[in-house]
Amino acid sequence: MPSCRFLVTGLASPDLPLRILNLFAQQAIVLDAVEVVRDDDLHRIRVTGELPAERADIILEKIRMLVLVTDAVLDQ
């Protein structure tokens, strides 16, 4: 399975990282790494894991639909 890296920027809210991680947990995906960095009023979140490309695309779209997210990209 290919390794995928999600790069997410969003408003610095305590629940944003949890909402993003929940999208992976709902599908029983075990992640390799998660990094959350606060930069003033923004969170920069990097999530890395191995999952099929079609699943990664679906999760990316769900991340982009979260209200607090300002940008999300997938690096495969």
Protein backbone atom coordinates (compact mmCIF):
# COMPACT_ATOMS: atom_id res chain seq x y z
CA MET A 1 0.00 0.00 0.00
CA PRO A 2 1.30 3.48 -0.79
CA SER A 3 2.24 5.91 1.93
CA CYS A 4 0.11 9.05 1.98
CA ARG A 5 0.74 12.36 3.70
CA PHE A 6 -2.10 14.76 4.40
CA LEU A 7 -1.17 18.38 5.01
CA VAL A 8 -3.99 20.35 6.63
CA THR A 9 -4.21 23.99 7.68
CA GLY A 10 -7.11 25.22 9.77
CA LEU A 11 -8.18 27.49 12.57
CA ALA A 12 -6.47 26.77 15.88
CA SER A 13 -9.37 25.10 17.62
CA PRO A 14 -8.94 22.35 20.23
CA ASP A 15 -11.27 20.02 18.33
CA LEU A 16 -9.79 20.31 14.81
CA PRO A 17 -7.04 17.68 15.29
CA LEU A 18 -9.56 15.31 16.88
CA ARG A 19 -12.06 15.73 14.06
CA ILE A 20 -9.37 14.93 11.51
CA LEU A 21 -8.09 11.88 13.40
CA ASN A 22 -11.65 10.63 13.83
CA LEU A 23 -12.01 10.36 10.04
CA PHE A 24 -9.20 7.79 10.05
CA ALA A 25 -10.41 6.03 13.20
CA GLN A 26 -13.88 5.50 11.71
CA GLN A 27 -12.27 3.40 8.98
CA ALA A 28 -9.89 1.56 11.37
CA ILE A 29 -6.82 3.08 9.71
CA VAL A 30 -3.68 2.94 11.86
CA LEU A 31 -1.51 5.99 11.21
CA ASP A 32 2.28 6.11 11.11
CA ALA A 33 2.67 9.69 12.36
CA VAL A 34 0.67 12.75 13.32
CA GLU A 35 2.16 16.20 13.86
CA VAL A 36 0.17 19.22 15.06
CA VAL A 37 1.83 22.63 15.17
CA ARG A 38 0.11 25.81 16.29
CA ASP A 39 1.12 28.96 14.43
CA ASP A 40 -0.71 31.95 15.96
CA ASP A 41 -4.37 31.35 15.10
CA LEU A 42 -3.75 28.38 12.78
CA HIS A 43 -3.06 24.68 13.21
CA ARG A 44 -0.79 22.96 10.72
CA ILE A 45 -1.47 19.24 10.83
CA ARG A 46 0.52 16.52 9.08
CA VAL A 47 -0.90 12.99 9.03
CA THR A 48 1.05 10.10 7.51
CA GLY A 49 -0.15 6.57 6.91
CA GLU A 50 -0.48 3.75 4.43
CA LEU A 51 -3.83 3.48 2.68
CA PRO A 52 -5.21 2.90 -0.81
CA ALA A 53 -5.37 5.95 -3.06
CA GLU A 54 -9.15 5.84 -3.41
CA ARG A 55 -9.60 5.83 0.38
CA ALA A 56 -7.10 8.68 0.73
CA ASP A 57 -9.08 10.75 -1.79
CA ILE A 58 -12.33 10.18 0.11
CA ILE A 59 -10.76 11.17 3.42
CA LEU A 60 -9.21 14.26 1.82
CA GLU A 61 -12.63 15.41 0.60
CA LYS A 62 -14.10 14.86 4.06
CA ILE A 63 -11.26 16.88 5.62
CA ARG A 64 -11.85 19.72 3.16
CA MET A 65 -15.53 19.80 4.17
CA LEU A 66 -14.72 20.45 7.84
CA VAL A 67 -15.71 24.00 8.79
CA LEU A 68 -12.42 24.88 10.50
CA VAL A 69 -10.20 23.72 7.61
CA THR A 70 -8.77 26.43 5.36
CA ASP A 71 -6.60 24.18 3.16
CA ALA A 72 -5.93 20.45 2.74
CA VAL A 73 -3.69 18.61 0.28
CA LEU A 74 -2.61 15.03 -0.22
CA ASP A 75 0.99 14.10 -1.01
CA GLN A 76 1.34 10.51 -2.24
